[in-house]
Amino acid sequence: MIKIRAATVGDAATIAAVRSDAIFNISHSYYDPSLLDEWAGSMEERVQRLLSNAADVRIIAEIDAVIVGYGELVTNENLLGACYVASTAGGKGVGKAIVAELERIAREKGLRHLQMESSANAELFYIGCGYRVVDRGKHPMRSGAVMDCILMRKELQE
């Protein structure tokens, strides 16, 4: 059974590890390995980024008390900011549970839509969650390199 709860500062290192696992181990054949390295960053960078980003809602998914997924919402930007699932939990409904909870929270906060930049490999997952492709773009990396992304949006019905 998947349990969703609010993320805490004490979860940061485990969340960062889940994020890294998802980046490196879930079908990222769309991207050059050097982009994956930069996307993931070092563990210290991942934890710092996690604790200092603009997300105002951070949730985790657990199976048997083990963190297997992470999601975030930036309400002032109507942004589904992240959804990462550990490779060991792929196909178990964790990603859909995270997205559904973030959408529930967004509706509760009065948001009428969510938008996001999806990685190329996650496009079909988000389409399956009801998001539509708005555009295809490039996400700038810190090094100046760019990563293909898909701009997506979903109207939130009451």
Protein backbone atom coordinates (compact mmCIF):
# COMPACT_ATOMS: atom_id res chain seq x y z
CA MET A 1 0.00 0.00 0.00
CA ILE A 2 1.26 3.48 -0.91
CA LYS A 3 1.24 6.03 1.87
CA ILE A 4 1.55 9.73 1.01
CA ARG A 5 2.71 12.21 3.64
CA ALA A 6 4.31 15.64 3.93
CA ALA A 7 8.06 15.60 3.45
CA THR A 8 10.25 16.78 6.32
CA VAL A 9 13.77 18.18 6.45
CA GLY A 10 14.86 14.83 7.89
CA ASP A 11 13.75 13.14 4.65
CA ALA A 12 15.99 15.32 2.44
CA ALA A 13 18.91 12.93 1.94
CA THR A 14 16.62 9.98 1.17
CA ILE A 15 14.55 12.10 -1.22
CA ALA A 16 17.74 13.21 -2.98
CA ALA A 17 18.79 9.57 -3.33
CA VAL A 18 15.38 8.63 -4.80
CA ARG A 19 15.66 11.55 -7.23
CA SER A 20 19.13 10.41 -8.34
CA ASP A 21 17.97 6.80 -8.73
CA ALA A 22 15.07 7.95 -10.90
CA ILE A 23 17.34 10.10 -13.06
CA PHE A 24 19.92 7.39 -13.68
CA ASN A 25 17.87 4.20 -13.63
CA ILE A 26 14.55 4.90 -15.30
CA SER A 27 14.79 4.85 -19.10
CA HIS A 28 16.67 8.04 -19.80
CA SER A 29 17.94 6.99 -23.21
CA TYR A 30 16.70 10.38 -24.45
CA TYR A 31 19.62 12.14 -22.76
CA ASP A 32 23.40 12.12 -22.96
CA PRO A 33 25.03 10.72 -19.78
CA SER A 34 26.78 14.06 -19.13
CA LEU A 35 23.35 15.76 -18.96
CA LEU A 36 22.17 13.11 -16.50
CA ASP A 37 25.23 13.79 -14.33
CA GLU A 38 24.47 17.50 -14.28
CA TRP A 39 20.72 16.95 -13.77
CA ALA A 40 21.41 14.75 -10.76
CA GLY A 41 24.31 16.74 -9.29
CA SER A 42 26.20 15.63 -6.20
CA MET A 43 24.31 14.41 -3.15
CA GLU A 44 25.19 17.63 -1.32
CA GLU A 45 23.89 19.73 -4.24
CA ARG A 46 20.71 17.64 -4.44
CA VAL A 47 19.92 18.07 -0.76
CA GLN A 48 20.71 21.81 -0.86
CA ARG A 49 18.55 22.29 -3.96
CA LEU A 50 15.73 20.37 -2.32
CA LEU A 51 15.82 22.47 0.84
CA SER A 52 16.17 25.83 -0.92
CA ASN A 53 13.81 25.58 -3.90
CA ALA A 54 10.58 27.50 -4.25
CA ALA A 55 8.23 24.57 -3.66
CA ASP A 56 5.69 25.23 -0.95
CA VAL A 57 4.31 21.70 -0.93
CA ARG A 58 6.63 18.71 -0.69
CA ILE A 59 5.27 15.19 -0.33
CA ILE A 60 6.74 11.73 -0.25
CA ALA A 61 5.35 8.32 -1.05
CA GLU A 62 6.22 5.33 1.09
CA ILE A 63 5.74 1.62 0.67
CA ASP A 64 6.29 -0.41 3.84
CA ALA A 65 7.72 2.73 5.55
CA VAL A 66 10.40 3.13 2.84
CA ILE A 67 10.48 6.37 0.83
CA VAL A 68 9.99 5.46 -2.83
CA GLY A 69 8.77 8.73 -4.34
CA TYR A 70 8.80 12.48 -4.04
CA GLY A 71 6.71 15.32 -5.44
CA GLU A 72 6.50 19.06 -5.13
CA LEU A 73 4.10 21.86 -5.96
CA VAL A 74 4.82 25.58 -6.39
CA THR A 75 1.37 27.08 -5.96
CA ASN A 76 2.22 30.69 -6.84
CA GLU A 77 3.37 29.42 -10.27
CA ASN A 78 0.69 26.72 -10.74
CA LEU A 79 3.67 24.41 -11.14
CA LEU A 80 3.92 20.71 -10.59
CA GLY A 81 7.59 21.05 -9.77
CA ALA A 82 8.70 17.44 -9.41
CA CYS A 83 7.63 13.83 -9.38
CA TYR A 84 10.37 11.25 -8.91
CA VAL A 85 9.90 7.54 -8.23
CA ALA A 86 12.59 5.06 -7.24
CA SER A 87 13.35 2.51 -9.95
CA THR A 88 12.42 -0.31 -7.56
CA ALA A 89 8.88 1.12 -7.27
CA GLY A 90 8.25 1.69 -10.96
CA GLY A 91 4.91 0.42 -12.26
CA LYS A 92 3.35 0.23 -8.79
CA GLY A 93 1.22 3.38 -9.06
CA VAL A 94 3.54 5.55 -6.96
CA GLY A 95 3.91 8.31 -9.56
CA LYS A 96 0.16 8.45 -10.17
CA ALA A 97 -0.49 8.60 -6.42
CA ILE A 98 1.97 11.50 -6.04
CA VAL A 99 0.48 13.44 -8.97
CA ALA A 100 -3.09 12.82 -7.75
CA GLU A 101 -2.23 14.12 -4.27
CA LEU A 102 -0.48 17.22 -5.65
CA GLU A 103 -3.52 17.90 -7.84
CA ARG A 104 -5.84 17.46 -4.84
CA ILE A 105 -3.77 19.96 -2.85
CA ALA A 106 -3.70 22.36 -5.81
CA ARG A 107 -7.51 22.26 -6.06
CA GLU A 108 -7.77 22.78 -2.31
CA LYS A 109 -5.61 25.88 -2.71
CA GLY A 110 -7.88 27.18 -5.48
CA LEU A 111 -5.66 26.48 -8.48
CA ARG A 112 -7.52 25.94 -11.75
CA HIS A 113 -4.62 24.35 -13.67
CA LEU A 114 -1.13 22.95 -13.27
CA GLN A 115 1.75 23.25 -15.68
CA MET A 116 5.16 21.62 -15.81
CA GLU A 117 8.30 20.90 -17.76
CA SER A 118 8.41 17.14 -18.26
CA SER A 119 11.49 15.21 -19.19
CA ALA A 120 11.19 13.49 -22.56
CA ASN A 121 10.98 10.04 -21.01
CA ALA A 122 8.09 11.03 -18.70
CA GLU A 123 5.86 12.53 -21.41
CA LEU A 124 3.65 9.45 -21.78
CA PHE A 125 3.31 9.10 -18.00
CA TYR A 126 1.94 12.64 -17.70
CA ILE A 127 -0.33 12.21 -20.73
CA GLY A 128 -1.71 9.17 -18.90
CA CYS A 129 -2.37 11.46 -15.91
CA GLY A 130 -4.41 13.82 -18.11
CA TYR A 131 -1.77 16.41 -19.01
CA ARG A 132 -1.52 17.71 -22.54
CA VAL A 133 1.52 18.85 -24.47
CA VAL A 134 1.60 22.62 -24.86
CA ASP A 135 5.03 22.94 -26.47
CA ARG A 136 8.43 21.36 -26.73
CA GLY A 137 11.33 23.30 -25.37
CA LYS A 138 14.79 23.35 -23.89
CA HIS A 139 15.55 23.45 -20.18
CA PRO A 140 18.78 25.35 -19.41
CA MET A 141 21.31 23.59 -17.20
CA ARG A 142 23.76 25.39 -14.90
CA SER A 143 26.64 24.63 -17.29
CA GLY A 144 24.88 26.33 -20.18
CA ALA A 145 23.92 23.02 -21.79
CA VAL A 146 20.26 22.50 -22.58
CA MET A 147 18.02 19.50 -22.05
CA ASP A 148 14.96 18.70 -24.16
CA CYS A 149 11.73 19.08 -22.22
CA ILE A 150 8.02 19.01 -22.86
CA LEU A 151 5.85 21.84 -21.57
CA MET A 152 2.60 20.34 -20.29
CA ARG A 153 -0.61 21.56 -18.70
CA LYS A 154 -3.70 20.12 -17.08
CA GLU A 155 -6.96 21.86 -16.26
CA LEU A 156 -8.11 20.94 -12.77
CA GLN A 157 -11.82 20.21 -12.64
CA GLU A 158 -13.77 20.72 -9.45
